[in-house]
Amino acid sequence: MPSLRTLALPVTLALGLSLAGCATPDSKTAERVATGAAVGAAGGAVVGAITGGFLHKAVLGAAAGAAGAMVYDQIRKNEERD
């Protein structure tokens, strides 16, 4: 049976891609947040693979990426209104 470390990267990538697939072409916010979560998960997974705590850091990276993307999206929307 594969270890959790071996399965964590494919599972994280699959979840990120499935979230990205939920965004409709008109939904810039959902697209940005899903992309941020996927990039954050990938970054967290890389750090976790190097330092340990792979899955934990991938989840934290996804949350941080989604939050950062949401902030970025709100800034962009405010700029478009002005």
Protein backbone atom coordinates (compact mmCIF):
# COMPACT_ATOMS: atom_id res chain seq x y z
CA MET A 1 0.00 0.00 0.00
CA PRO A 2 1.42 3.44 -0.91
CA SER A 3 2.37 5.74 1.93
CA LEU A 4 0.51 8.94 2.70
CA ARG A 5 3.51 10.95 1.51
CA THR A 6 3.41 9.19 -1.88
CA LEU A 7 -0.30 9.86 -2.33
CA ALA A 8 -0.42 13.40 -0.98
CA LEU A 9 0.90 15.20 -4.07
CA PRO A 10 -1.41 13.50 -6.59
CA VAL A 11 -4.39 13.94 -4.29
CA THR A 12 -3.56 17.61 -3.68
CA LEU A 13 -3.15 18.27 -7.38
CA ALA A 14 -6.39 16.46 -8.19
CA LEU A 15 -8.29 18.50 -5.61
CA GLY A 16 -6.78 21.73 -6.92
CA LEU A 17 -7.69 20.89 -10.49
CA SER A 18 -11.21 19.90 -9.51
CA LEU A 19 -11.64 23.24 -7.75
CA ALA A 20 -10.35 25.05 -10.81
CA GLY A 21 -12.89 23.16 -12.89
CA CYS A 22 -15.73 24.54 -10.77
CA ALA A 23 -15.16 28.08 -11.97
CA THR A 24 -17.35 29.27 -14.80
CA PRO A 25 -15.78 31.48 -17.48
CA ASP A 26 -17.76 34.47 -16.16
CA SER A 27 -16.71 33.95 -12.56
CA LYS A 28 -13.36 35.71 -12.22
CA THR A 29 -13.50 35.52 -8.42
CA ALA A 30 -13.95 31.75 -8.37
CA GLU A 31 -11.27 31.32 -11.02
CA ARG A 32 -8.77 33.45 -9.12
CA VAL A 33 -9.47 31.76 -5.78
CA ALA A 34 -9.21 28.27 -7.28
CA THR A 35 -5.95 29.16 -9.00
CA GLY A 36 -4.58 30.68 -5.79
CA ALA A 37 -5.55 27.57 -3.83
CA ALA A 38 -3.91 25.28 -6.40
CA VAL A 39 -0.70 27.31 -6.50
CA GLY A 40 -0.63 27.57 -2.71
CA ALA A 41 -1.18 23.83 -2.33
CA ALA A 42 1.62 23.09 -4.75
CA GLY A 43 3.97 25.48 -2.94
CA GLY A 44 3.01 24.06 0.44
CA ALA A 45 3.51 20.53 -0.86
CA VAL A 46 7.01 21.37 -2.06
CA VAL A 47 7.94 22.92 1.28
CA GLY A 48 6.37 19.99 3.12
CA ALA A 49 8.27 17.49 1.01
CA ILE A 50 11.52 19.19 1.95
CA THR A 51 10.85 19.91 5.62
CA GLY A 52 8.27 17.27 6.58
CA GLY A 53 4.57 17.58 7.24
CA PHE A 54 3.74 17.29 3.55
CA LEU A 55 -0.05 17.13 3.70
CA HIS A 56 -0.36 19.67 6.50
CA LYS A 57 1.72 22.24 4.64
CA ALA A 58 -0.13 21.58 1.37
CA VAL A 59 -3.46 22.30 3.07
CA LEU A 60 -2.09 25.45 4.73
CA GLY A 61 -0.66 26.56 1.40
CA ALA A 62 -4.01 26.05 -0.29
CA ALA A 63 -5.77 28.12 2.37
CA ALA A 64 -3.18 30.89 2.16
CA GLY A 65 -3.31 30.88 -1.64
CA ALA A 66 -7.10 31.07 -1.68
CA ALA A 67 -7.11 33.92 0.86
CA GLY A 68 -4.45 35.84 -1.06
CA ALA A 69 -6.33 35.38 -4.32
CA MET A 70 -9.54 36.64 -2.72
CA VAL A 71 -7.77 39.78 -1.52
CA TYR A 72 -6.23 40.25 -4.99
CA ASP A 73 -9.65 39.79 -6.61
CA GLN A 74 -11.23 42.43 -4.39
CA ILE A 75 -8.44 44.90 -5.18
CA ARG A 76 -8.88 44.28 -8.92
CA LYS A 77 -12.66 44.78 -8.68
CA ASN A 78 -12.17 48.05 -6.81
CA GLU A 79 -9.73 49.24 -9.49
CA GLU A 80 -12.21 48.36 -12.25
CA ARG A 81 -14.95 50.41 -10.57
CA ASP A 82 -12.78 53.55 -10.39
